[in-house]
Amino acid sequence: MSNTHEQEIKNRAVALNGQTAAVNLVGGQTLTGTLAYATVTASWGGIEYPEILTVTVSTKAHTVRLDHVSSIGQG
């Protein structure tokens, strides 16, 4: 995954945090549910982006590595 594509995925995840989202995985699967992803303030004062996100589908939380995500859209 290119750095630009990876950052686009992270930015989209931040924008949709707490909302219903469709997370499309590299293998063709799609998880649709409530997205949980938030940036963290680093000890040096900058912003860090986690390398995983969580999608809750029917009360089951799925943790997904960002390099397994091809795109994220509103669900």
PDB file of N, CA and C in Angstrom:
ATOM      1  N   MET A   1       0.857  -1.163   0.000  1.00  0.00           N
ATOM      2  CA  MET A   1       0.000   0.000   0.000  1.00  0.00           C
ATOM      3  C   MET A   1       0.907   1.231   0.000  1.00  0.00           C
ATOM      4  N   SER A   2       0.633   2.169  -0.902  1.00  0.00           N
ATOM      5  CA  SER A   2       1.438   3.386  -0.952  1.00  0.00           C
ATOM      6  C   SER A   2       1.130   4.255   0.249  1.00  0.00           C
ATOM      7  N   ASN A   3       2.084   5.102   0.598  1.00  0.00           N
ATOM      8  CA  ASN A   3       1.886   5.991   1.740  1.00  0.00           C
ATOM      9  C   ASN A   3       0.703   6.919   1.535  1.00  0.00           C
ATOM     10  N   THR A   4       0.493   7.378   0.282  1.00  0.00           N
ATOM     11  CA  THR A   4      -0.633   8.265  -0.006  1.00  0.00           C
ATOM     12  C   THR A   4      -1.948   7.532   0.200  1.00  0.00           C
ATOM     13  N   HIS A   5      -2.064   6.316  -0.320  1.00  0.00           N
ATOM     14  CA  HIS A   5      -3.287   5.528  -0.158  1.00  0.00           C
ATOM     15  C   HIS A   5      -3.526   5.210   1.313  1.00  0.00           C
ATOM     16  N   GLU A   6      -2.476   4.857   2.012  1.00  0.00           N
ATOM     17  CA  GLU A   6      -2.588   4.541   3.436  1.00  0.00           C
ATOM     18  C   GLU A   6      -3.089   5.760   4.210  1.00  0.00           C
ATOM     19  N   GLN A   7      -2.555   6.949   3.910  1.00  0.00           N
ATOM     20  CA  GLN A   7      -2.997   8.150   4.613  1.00  0.00           C
ATOM     21  C   GLN A   7      -4.442   8.493   4.262  1.00  0.00           C
ATOM     22  N   GLU A   8      -4.856   8.253   3.017  1.00  0.00           N
ATOM     23  CA  GLU A   8      -6.252   8.479   2.621  1.00  0.00           C
ATOM     24  C   GLU A   8      -7.194   7.581   3.419  1.00  0.00           C
ATOM     25  N   ILE A   9      -6.808   6.323   3.612  1.00  0.00           N
ATOM     26  CA  ILE A   9      -7.604   5.379   4.400  1.00  0.00           C
ATOM     27  C   ILE A   9      -7.704   5.890   5.845  1.00  0.00           C
ATOM     28  N   LYS A  10      -6.578   6.322   6.408  1.00  0.00           N
ATOM     29  CA  LYS A  10      -6.573   6.837   7.783  1.00  0.00           C
ATOM     30  C   LYS A  10      -7.459   8.077   7.909  1.00  0.00           C
ATOM     31  N   ASN A  11      -7.346   9.007   6.966  1.00  0.00           N
ATOM     32  CA  ASN A  11      -8.156  10.223   7.012  1.00  0.00           C
ATOM     33  C   ASN A  11      -9.640   9.901   6.909  1.00  0.00           C
ATOM     34  N   ARG A  12      -9.989   8.950   6.048  1.00  0.00           N
ATOM     35  CA  ARG A  12     -11.394   8.555   5.890  1.00  0.00           C
ATOM     36  C   ARG A  12     -11.898   7.896   7.171  1.00  0.00           C
ATOM     37  N   ALA A  13     -11.049   7.078   7.793  1.00  0.00           N
ATOM     38  CA  ALA A  13     -11.422   6.422   9.050  1.00  0.00           C
ATOM     39  C   ALA A  13     -11.659   7.451  10.156  1.00  0.00           C
ATOM     40  N   VAL A  14     -10.819   8.473  10.221  1.00  0.00           N
ATOM     41  CA  VAL A  14     -11.006   9.534  11.221  1.00  0.00           C
ATOM     42  C   VAL A  14     -12.326  10.248  10.970  1.00  0.00           C
ATOM     43  N   ALA A  15     -12.621  10.555   9.704  1.00  0.00           N
ATOM     44  CA  ALA A  15     -13.845  11.279   9.351  1.00  0.00           C
ATOM     45  C   ALA A  15     -15.106  10.488   9.691  1.00  0.00           C
ATOM     46  N   LEU A  16     -15.037   9.156   9.581  1.00  0.00           N
ATOM     47  CA  LEU A  16     -16.213   8.315   9.812  1.00  0.00           C
ATOM     48  C   LEU A  16     -16.237   7.666  11.202  1.00  0.00           C
ATOM     49  N   ASN A  17     -15.308   8.024  12.066  1.00  0.00           N
ATOM     50  CA  ASN A  17     -15.257   7.462  13.412  1.00  0.00           C
ATOM     51  C   ASN A  17     -16.609   7.640  14.113  1.00  0.00           C
ATOM     52  N   GLY A  18     -17.140   6.537  14.632  1.00  0.00           N
ATOM     53  CA  GLY A  18     -18.406   6.562  15.363  1.00  0.00           C
ATOM     54  C   GLY A  18     -19.637   6.450  14.483  1.00  0.00           C
ATOM     55  N   GLN A  19     -19.449   6.386  13.174  1.00  0.00           N
ATOM     56  CA  GLN A  19     -20.567   6.304  12.238  1.00  0.00           C
ATOM     57  C   GLN A  19     -20.635   4.912  11.615  1.00  0.00           C
ATOM     58  N   THR A  20     -21.756   4.639  10.946  1.00  0.00           N
ATOM     59  CA  THR A  20     -21.876   3.391  10.201  1.00  0.00           C
ATOM     60  C   THR A  20     -21.043   3.513   8.936  1.00  0.00           C
ATOM     61  N   ALA A  21     -20.186   2.537   8.711  1.00  0.00           N
ATOM     62  CA  ALA A  21     -19.281   2.567   7.565  1.00  0.00           C
ATOM     63  C   ALA A  21     -19.180   1.187   6.936  1.00  0.00           C
ATOM     64  N   ALA A  22     -18.862   1.177   5.644  1.00  0.00           N
ATOM     65  CA  ALA A  22     -18.563  -0.052   4.921  1.00  0.00           C
ATOM     66  C   ALA A  22     -17.057  -0.097   4.727  1.00  0.00           C
ATOM     67  N   VAL A  23     -16.416  -1.076   5.341  1.00  0.00           N
ATOM     68  CA  VAL A  23     -14.966  -1.225   5.240  1.00  0.00           C
ATOM     69  C   VAL A  23     -14.698  -2.371   4.262  1.00  0.00           C
ATOM     70  N   ASN A  24     -14.130  -2.020   3.107  1.00  0.00           N
ATOM     71  CA  ASN A  24     -13.833  -3.007   2.069  1.00  0.00           C
ATOM     72  C   ASN A  24     -12.423  -3.527   2.272  1.00  0.00           C
ATOM     73  N   LEU A  25     -12.315  -4.852   2.361  1.00  0.00           N
ATOM     74  CA  LEU A  25     -11.031  -5.480   2.621  1.00  0.00           C
ATOM     75  C   LEU A  25     -10.371  -5.903   1.312  1.00  0.00           C
ATOM     76  N   VAL A  26      -9.051  -6.036   1.343  1.00  0.00           N
ATOM     77  CA  VAL A  26      -8.269  -6.383   0.162  1.00  0.00           C
ATOM     78  C   VAL A  26      -8.754  -7.684  -0.478  1.00  0.00           C
ATOM     79  N   GLY A  27      -9.175  -8.650   0.298  1.00  0.00           N
ATOM     80  CA  GLY A  27      -9.616  -9.941  -0.223  1.00  0.00           C
ATOM     81  C   GLY A  27     -11.007  -9.936  -0.825  1.00  0.00           C
ATOM     82  N   GLY A  28     -11.707  -8.787  -0.808  1.00  0.00           N
ATOM     83  CA  GLY A  28     -13.029  -8.702  -1.399  1.00  0.00           C
ATOM     84  C   GLY A  28     -14.170  -8.700  -0.399  1.00  0.00           C
ATOM     85  N   GLN A  29     -13.887  -9.001   0.862  1.00  0.00           N
ATOM     86  CA  GLN A  29     -14.909  -8.979   1.902  1.00  0.00           C
ATOM     87  C   GLN A  29     -15.254  -7.549   2.267  1.00  0.00           C
ATOM     88  N   THR A  30     -16.466  -7.331   2.770  1.00  0.00           N
ATOM     89  CA  THR A  30     -16.872  -6.019   3.273  1.00  0.00           C
ATOM     90  C   THR A  30     -17.470  -6.189   4.663  1.00  0.00           C
ATOM     91  N   LEU A  31     -17.032  -5.355   5.574  1.00  0.00           N
ATOM     92  CA  LEU A  31     -17.609  -5.302   6.910  1.00  0.00           C
ATOM     93  C   LEU A  31     -18.381  -3.998   7.014  1.00  0.00           C
ATOM     94  N   THR A  32     -19.673  -4.079   7.345  1.00  0.00           N
ATOM     95  CA  THR A  32     -20.486  -2.881   7.506  1.00  0.00           C
ATOM     96  C   THR A  32     -20.962  -2.814   8.946  1.00  0.00           C
ATOM     97  N   GLY A  33     -20.621  -1.735   9.605  1.00  0.00           N
ATOM     98  CA  GLY A  33     -20.998  -1.564  10.998  1.00  0.00           C
ATOM     99  C   GLY A  33     -20.456  -0.253  11.525  1.00  0.00           C
ATOM    100  N   THR A  34     -20.424  -0.124  12.834  1.00  0.00           N
ATOM    101  CA  THR A  34     -19.948   1.105  13.457  1.00  0.00           C
ATOM    102  C   THR A  34     -18.424   1.100  13.491  1.00  0.00           C
ATOM    103  N   LEU A  35     -17.846   2.135  12.926  1.00  0.00           N
ATOM    104  CA  LEU A  35     -16.393   2.253  12.822  1.00  0.00           C
ATOM    105  C   LEU A  35     -15.827   2.956  14.053  1.00  0.00           C
ATOM    106  N   ALA A  36     -14.744   2.419  14.585  1.00  0.00           N
ATOM    107  CA  ALA A  36     -14.031   3.054  15.693  1.00  0.00           C
ATOM    108  C   ALA A  36     -12.577   3.246  15.270  1.00  0.00           C
ATOM    109  N   TYR A  37     -12.190   4.523  15.159  1.00  0.00           N
ATOM    110  CA  TYR A  37     -10.810   4.857  14.795  1.00  0.00           C
ATOM    111  C   TYR A  37     -10.561   6.299  15.221  1.00  0.00           C
ATOM    112  N   ALA A  38      -9.537   6.535  15.972  1.00  0.00           N
ATOM    113  CA  ALA A  38      -9.236   7.888  16.425  1.00  0.00           C
ATOM    114  C   ALA A  38      -7.728   8.085  16.495  1.00  0.00           C
ATOM    115  N   THR A  39      -7.308   9.298  16.220  1.00  0.00           N
ATOM    116  CA  THR A  39      -5.892   9.623  16.329  1.00  0.00           C
ATOM    117  C   THR A  39      -5.518   9.745  17.801  1.00  0.00           C
ATOM    118  N   VAL A  40      -4.233   9.696  18.052  1.00  0.00           N
ATOM    119  CA  VAL A  40      -3.704   9.781  19.416  1.00  0.00           C
ATOM    120  C   VAL A  40      -2.661  10.897  19.443  1.00  0.00           C
ATOM    121  N   THR A  41      -2.677  11.714  20.481  1.00  0.00           N
ATOM    122  CA  THR A  41      -1.653  12.742  20.631  1.00  0.00           C
ATOM    123  C   THR A  41      -0.389  12.084  21.158  1.00  0.00           C
ATOM    124  N   ALA A  42       0.683  12.255  20.404  1.00  0.00           N
ATOM    125  CA  ALA A  42       1.963  11.645  20.773  1.00  0.00           C
ATOM    126  C   ALA A  42       2.613  12.419  21.913  1.00  0.00           C
ATOM    127  N   SER A  43       3.529  11.773  22.597  1.00  0.00           N
ATOM    128  CA  SER A  43       4.224  12.405  23.725  1.00  0.00           C
ATOM    129  C   SER A  43       5.007  13.633  23.273  1.00  0.00           C
ATOM    130  N   TRP A  44       5.419  13.662  22.012  1.00  0.00           N
ATOM    131  CA  TRP A  44       6.177  14.794  21.483  1.00  0.00           C
ATOM    132  C   TRP A  44       5.264  15.898  20.935  1.00  0.00           C
ATOM    133  N   GLY A  45       3.925  15.718  21.075  1.00  0.00           N
ATOM    134  CA  GLY A  45       2.981  16.759  20.705  1.00  0.00           C
ATOM    135  C   GLY A  45       2.347  16.609  19.341  1.00  0.00           C
ATOM    136  N   GLY A  46       2.842  15.699  18.529  1.00  0.00           N
ATOM    137  CA  GLY A  46       2.266  15.476  17.203  1.00  0.00           C
ATOM    138  C   GLY A  46       1.089  14.519  17.257  1.00  0.00           C
ATOM    139  N   ILE A  47       0.576  14.181  16.087  1.00  0.00           N
ATOM    140  CA  ILE A  47      -0.560  13.270  15.991  1.00  0.00           C
ATOM    141  C   ILE A  47      -0.085  11.942  15.417  1.00  0.00           C
ATOM    142  N   GLU A  48      -0.486  10.864  16.072  1.00  0.00           N
ATOM    143  CA  GLU A  48      -0.175   9.520  15.584  1.00  0.00           C
ATOM    144  C   GLU A  48      -1.462   8.856  15.130  1.00  0.00           C
ATOM    145  N   TYR A  49      -1.369   8.126  14.035  1.00  0.00           N
ATOM    146  CA  TYR A  49      -2.504   7.390  13.491  1.00  0.00           C
ATOM    147  C   TYR A  49      -2.294   5.909  13.781  1.00  0.00           C
ATOM    148  N   PRO A  50      -3.237   5.266  14.500  1.00  0.00           N
ATOM    149  CA  PRO A  50      -3.118   3.830  14.768  1.00  0.00           C
ATOM    150  C   PRO A  50      -3.097   3.011  13.461  1.00  0.00           C
ATOM    151  N   GLU A  51      -2.539   1.834  13.511  1.00  0.00           N
ATOM    152  CA  GLU A  51      -2.447   0.961  12.335  1.00  0.00           C
ATOM    153  C   GLU A  51      -3.598  -0.039  12.265  1.00  0.00           C
ATOM    154  N   ILE A  52      -4.567   0.073  13.183  1.00  0.00           N
ATOM    155  CA  ILE A  52      -5.735  -0.806  13.173  1.00  0.00           C
ATOM    156  C   ILE A  52      -6.996   0.030  13.364  1.00  0.00           C
ATOM    157  N   LEU A  53      -8.110  -0.521  12.938  1.00  0.00           N
ATOM    158  CA  LEU A  53      -9.413   0.077  13.213  1.00  0.00           C
ATOM    159  C   LEU A  53     -10.329  -1.035  13.675  1.00  0.00           C
ATOM    160  N   THR A  54     -11.468  -0.652  14.230  1.00  0.00           N
ATOM    161  CA  THR A  54     -12.439  -1.634  14.706  1.00  0.00           C
ATOM    162  C   THR A  54     -13.781  -1.352  14.062  1.00  0.00           C
ATOM    163  N   VAL A  55     -14.418  -2.400  13.553  1.00  0.00           N
ATOM    164  CA  VAL A  55     -15.767  -2.304  13.009  1.00  0.00           C
ATOM    165  C   VAL A  55     -16.643  -3.226  13.845  1.00  0.00           C
ATOM    166  N   THR A  56     -17.697  -2.671  14.442  1.00  0.00           N
ATOM    167  CA  THR A  56     -18.613  -3.476  15.240  1.00  0.00           C
ATOM    168  C   THR A  56     -19.827  -3.808  14.389  1.00  0.00           C
ATOM    169  N   VAL A  57     -20.003  -5.101  14.149  1.00  0.00           N
ATOM    170  CA  VAL A  57     -21.107  -5.612  13.342  1.00  0.00           C
ATOM    171  C   VAL A  57     -21.973  -6.474  14.246  1.00  0.00           C
ATOM    172  N   SER A  58     -23.216  -6.065  14.451  1.00  0.00           N
ATOM    173  CA  SER A  58     -24.149  -6.830  15.295  1.00  0.00           C
ATOM    174  C   SER A  58     -23.529  -7.238  16.623  1.00  0.00           C
ATOM    175  N   THR A  59     -22.983  -6.322  17.347  1.00  0.00           N
ATOM    176  CA  THR A  59     -22.367  -6.476  18.666  1.00  0.00           C
ATOM    177  C   THR A  59     -21.034  -7.233  18.665  1.00  0.00           C
ATOM    178  N   LYS A  60     -20.549  -7.679  17.506  1.00  0.00           N
ATOM    179  CA  LYS A  60     -19.244  -8.347  17.442  1.00  0.00           C
ATOM    180  C   LYS A  60     -18.215  -7.379  16.864  1.00  0.00           C
ATOM    181  N   ALA A  61     -17.174  -7.111  17.641  1.00  0.00           N
ATOM    182  CA  ALA A  61     -16.120  -6.192  17.209  1.00  0.00           C
ATOM    183  C   ALA A  61     -15.087  -6.940  16.369  1.00  0.00           C
ATOM    184  N   HIS A  62     -14.767  -6.373  15.204  1.00  0.00           N
ATOM    185  CA  HIS A  62     -13.754  -6.925  14.305  1.00  0.00           C
ATOM    186  C   HIS A  62     -12.599  -5.934  14.238  1.00  0.00           C
ATOM    187  N   THR A  63     -11.409  -6.370  14.606  1.00  0.00           N
ATOM    188  CA  THR A  63     -10.220  -5.525  14.522  1.00  0.00           C
ATOM    189  C   THR A  63      -9.543  -5.809  13.191  1.00  0.00           C
ATOM    190  N   VAL A  64      -9.249  -4.735  12.450  1.00  0.00           N
ATOM    191  CA  VAL A  64      -8.702  -4.878  11.096  1.00  0.00           C
ATOM    192  C   VAL A  64      -7.440  -4.040  10.961  1.00  0.00           C
ATOM    193  N   ARG A  65      -6.393  -4.632  10.442  1.00  0.00           N
ATOM    194  CA  ARG A  65      -5.167  -3.883  10.147  1.00  0.00           C
ATOM    195  C   ARG A  65      -5.420  -3.001   8.930  1.00  0.00           C
ATOM    196  N   LEU A  66      -4.905  -1.791   8.953  1.00  0.00           N
ATOM    197  CA  LEU A  66      -5.141  -0.858   7.855  1.00  0.00           C
ATOM    198  C   LEU A  66      -4.576  -1.334   6.529  1.00  0.00           C
ATOM    199  N   ASP A  67      -3.521  -2.131   6.547  1.00  0.00           N
ATOM    200  CA  ASP A  67      -2.973  -2.621   5.277  1.00  0.00           C
ATOM    201  C   ASP A  67      -3.850  -3.717   4.661  1.00  0.00           C
ATOM    202  N   HIS A  68      -4.916  -4.110   5.335  1.00  0.00           N
ATOM    203  CA  HIS A  68      -5.892  -5.057   4.791  1.00  0.00           C
ATOM    204  C   HIS A  68      -7.135  -4.348   4.255  1.00  0.00           C
ATOM    205  N   VAL A  69      -7.163  -3.014   4.365  1.00  0.00           N
ATOM    206  CA  VAL A  69      -8.332  -2.225   3.939  1.00  0.00           C
ATOM    207  C   VAL A  69      -8.051  -1.627   2.556  1.00  0.00           C
ATOM    208  N   SER A  70      -8.980  -1.858   1.617  1.00  0.00           N
ATOM    209  CA  SER A  70      -8.838  -1.255   0.291  1.00  0.00           C
ATOM    210  C   SER A  70      -9.561   0.071   0.182  1.00  0.00           C
ATOM    211  N   SER A  71     -10.685   0.218   0.912  1.00  0.00           N
ATOM    212  CA  SER A  71     -11.413   1.486   0.921  1.00  0.00           C
ATOM    213  C   SER A  71     -12.411   1.495   2.081  1.00  0.00           C
ATOM    214  N   ILE A  72     -12.879   2.700   2.399  1.00  0.00           N
ATOM    215  CA  ILE A  72     -13.880   2.883   3.441  1.00  0.00           C
ATOM    216  C   ILE A  72     -14.920   3.868   2.908  1.00  0.00           C
ATOM    217  N   GLY A  73     -16.185   3.497   3.063  1.00  0.00           N
ATOM    218  CA  GLY A  73     -17.265   4.381   2.641  1.00  0.00           C
ATOM    219  C   GLY A  73     -18.351   4.421   3.696  1.00  0.00           C
ATOM    220  N   GLN A  74     -19.273   5.378   3.546  1.00  0.00           N
ATOM    221  CA  GLN A  74     -20.384   5.441   4.477  1.00  0.00           C
ATOM    222  C   GLN A  74     -21.270   4.235   4.262  1.00  0.00           C
ATOM    223  N   GLY A  75     -21.748   3.667   5.370  1.00  0.00           N
ATOM    224  CA  GLY A  75     -22.545   2.452   5.302  1.00  0.00           C
ATOM    225  C   GLY A  75     -23.985   2.776   5.200  1.00  0.00           C
TER     226      GLY A  75
END
